[in-house]
Amino acid sequence: MLPEPRRRRGPAVEPVTCPPDPFRTGEAVRRLEPGESTTARWGLQAIG
């Protein structure tokens, strides 16, 4: 936790497109050649 006045008031959310440690496992890694692109979509939903 950060000391005042820098204490954060909300969570940080980072979209990911692969499982943990992808460079070691090679699982679900997308390799793009020069000029290629990729698109990902994600969202958040409040529960409760």
N, C-alpha and C. Protein backbone atom coordinates (compact mmCIF):
# COMPACT_ATOMS: atom_id res chain seq x y z
N MET A 1 0.84 -1.18 0.00
CA MET A 1 0.00 0.00 0.00
C MET A 1 0.89 1.24 0.00
N LEU A 2 0.49 2.24 -0.73
CA LEU A 2 1.25 3.49 -0.80
C LEU A 2 0.88 4.40 0.36
N PRO A 3 1.84 5.17 0.85
CA PRO A 3 1.52 6.12 1.92
C PRO A 3 0.67 7.27 1.39
N GLU A 4 -0.05 7.92 2.28
CA GLU A 4 -0.84 9.10 1.89
C GLU A 4 0.10 10.15 1.34
N PRO A 5 -0.20 11.02 0.44
CA PRO A 5 -1.50 11.13 -0.23
C PRO A 5 -1.58 10.30 -1.50
N ARG A 6 -0.66 9.37 -1.74
CA ARG A 6 -0.62 8.62 -2.99
C ARG A 6 -1.40 7.32 -2.93
N ARG A 7 -2.14 7.06 -1.87
CA ARG A 7 -2.89 5.82 -1.76
C ARG A 7 -3.89 5.69 -2.90
N ARG A 8 -3.93 4.56 -3.52
CA ARG A 8 -4.85 4.34 -4.64
C ARG A 8 -6.25 4.05 -4.11
N ARG A 9 -7.24 4.43 -4.90
CA ARG A 9 -8.62 4.26 -4.49
C ARG A 9 -9.38 3.26 -5.35
N GLY A 10 -8.68 2.57 -6.22
CA GLY A 10 -9.34 1.60 -7.08
C GLY A 10 -8.36 0.56 -7.57
N PRO A 11 -8.87 -0.51 -8.15
CA PRO A 11 -7.99 -1.58 -8.64
C PRO A 11 -7.37 -1.22 -9.98
N ALA A 12 -6.26 -1.85 -10.28
CA ALA A 12 -5.66 -1.74 -11.60
C ALA A 12 -6.06 -2.98 -12.40
N VAL A 13 -6.46 -2.79 -13.62
CA VAL A 13 -6.90 -3.89 -14.47
C VAL A 13 -6.10 -3.87 -15.75
N GLU A 14 -5.47 -4.98 -16.08
CA GLU A 14 -4.68 -5.07 -17.30
C GLU A 14 -5.18 -6.24 -18.13
N PRO A 15 -5.59 -5.98 -19.37
CA PRO A 15 -6.02 -7.09 -20.22
C PRO A 15 -4.81 -7.93 -20.63
N VAL A 16 -4.99 -9.22 -20.67
CA VAL A 16 -3.93 -10.12 -21.13
C VAL A 16 -4.51 -11.04 -22.21
N THR A 17 -3.67 -11.46 -23.11
CA THR A 17 -4.14 -12.30 -24.21
C THR A 17 -3.55 -13.70 -24.15
N CYS A 18 -2.87 -14.04 -23.04
CA CYS A 18 -2.27 -15.36 -22.92
C CYS A 18 -2.20 -15.76 -21.45
N PRO A 19 -1.98 -17.02 -21.16
CA PRO A 19 -1.86 -17.48 -19.78
C PRO A 19 -0.54 -17.02 -19.16
N PRO A 20 -0.35 -17.20 -17.85
CA PRO A 20 0.89 -16.78 -17.20
C PRO A 20 2.14 -17.43 -17.79
N ASP A 21 3.24 -16.68 -17.80
CA ASP A 21 4.55 -17.15 -18.24
C ASP A 21 4.56 -17.69 -19.68
N PRO A 22 4.00 -16.95 -20.63
CA PRO A 22 3.88 -17.46 -22.00
C PRO A 22 5.21 -17.63 -22.73
N PHE A 23 6.22 -16.81 -22.40
CA PHE A 23 7.49 -16.92 -23.13
C PHE A 23 8.24 -18.19 -22.74
N ARG A 24 8.02 -18.69 -21.52
CA ARG A 24 8.65 -19.94 -21.11
C ARG A 24 7.89 -21.13 -21.68
N THR A 25 6.55 -21.09 -21.59
CA THR A 25 5.74 -22.23 -22.02
C THR A 25 5.44 -22.23 -23.52
N GLY A 26 5.39 -21.04 -24.14
CA GLY A 26 5.02 -20.94 -25.55
C GLY A 26 3.53 -21.09 -25.78
N GLU A 27 2.77 -21.24 -24.70
CA GLU A 27 1.32 -21.45 -24.81
C GLU A 27 0.60 -20.16 -25.20
N ALA A 28 -0.16 -20.22 -26.26
CA ALA A 28 -1.03 -19.13 -26.72
C ALA A 28 -0.27 -17.85 -27.08
N VAL A 29 1.00 -17.96 -27.43
CA VAL A 29 1.78 -16.79 -27.83
C VAL A 29 1.46 -16.45 -29.28
N ARG A 30 1.16 -15.20 -29.54
CA ARG A 30 0.91 -14.75 -30.91
C ARG A 30 2.17 -14.08 -31.43
N ARG A 31 2.73 -14.63 -32.46
CA ARG A 31 3.94 -14.03 -33.06
C ARG A 31 3.50 -13.28 -34.30
N LEU A 32 3.78 -12.00 -34.33
CA LEU A 32 3.39 -11.15 -35.46
C LEU A 32 4.60 -10.85 -36.31
N GLU A 33 4.44 -11.03 -37.58
CA GLU A 33 5.47 -10.67 -38.54
C GLU A 33 5.35 -9.18 -38.83
N PRO A 34 6.40 -8.55 -39.34
CA PRO A 34 6.33 -7.12 -39.66
C PRO A 34 5.11 -6.80 -40.53
N GLY A 35 4.37 -5.79 -40.13
CA GLY A 35 3.18 -5.36 -40.88
C GLY A 35 1.90 -6.05 -40.45
N GLU A 36 1.98 -7.15 -39.69
CA GLU A 36 0.79 -7.84 -39.21
C GLU A 36 0.25 -7.13 -37.97
N SER A 37 -1.01 -7.39 -37.66
CA SER A 37 -1.62 -6.83 -36.45
C SER A 37 -2.55 -7.87 -35.85
N THR A 38 -2.97 -7.60 -34.64
CA THR A 38 -3.93 -8.47 -33.97
C THR A 38 -4.91 -7.60 -33.19
N THR A 39 -6.05 -8.13 -32.89
CA THR A 39 -7.08 -7.42 -32.14
C THR A 39 -7.57 -8.32 -31.02
N ALA A 40 -7.80 -7.74 -29.86
CA ALA A 40 -8.34 -8.48 -28.73
C ALA A 40 -9.48 -7.67 -28.15
N ARG A 41 -10.41 -8.36 -27.53
CA ARG A 41 -11.56 -7.69 -26.91
C ARG A 41 -11.71 -8.26 -25.50
N TRP A 42 -11.96 -7.38 -24.54
CA TRP A 42 -12.20 -7.81 -23.18
C TRP A 42 -13.15 -6.85 -22.52
N GLY A 43 -13.67 -7.21 -21.36
CA GLY A 43 -14.61 -6.35 -20.67
C GLY A 43 -14.65 -6.65 -19.19
N LEU A 44 -15.39 -5.84 -18.46
CA LEU A 44 -15.57 -6.01 -17.02
C LEU A 44 -17.04 -6.08 -16.73
N GLN A 45 -17.38 -6.85 -15.71
CA GLN A 45 -18.77 -6.95 -15.30
C GLN A 45 -18.84 -6.97 -13.79
N ALA A 46 -19.66 -6.08 -13.21
CA ALA A 46 -19.84 -6.04 -11.76
C ALA A 46 -20.71 -7.22 -11.33
N ILE A 47 -20.29 -7.89 -10.28
CA ILE A 47 -21.06 -9.01 -9.74
C ILE A 47 -21.44 -8.69 -8.31
N GLY A 48 -22.70 -8.89 -8.00
CA GLY A 48 -23.15 -8.70 -6.62
C GLY A 48 -23.67 -7.39 -6.30
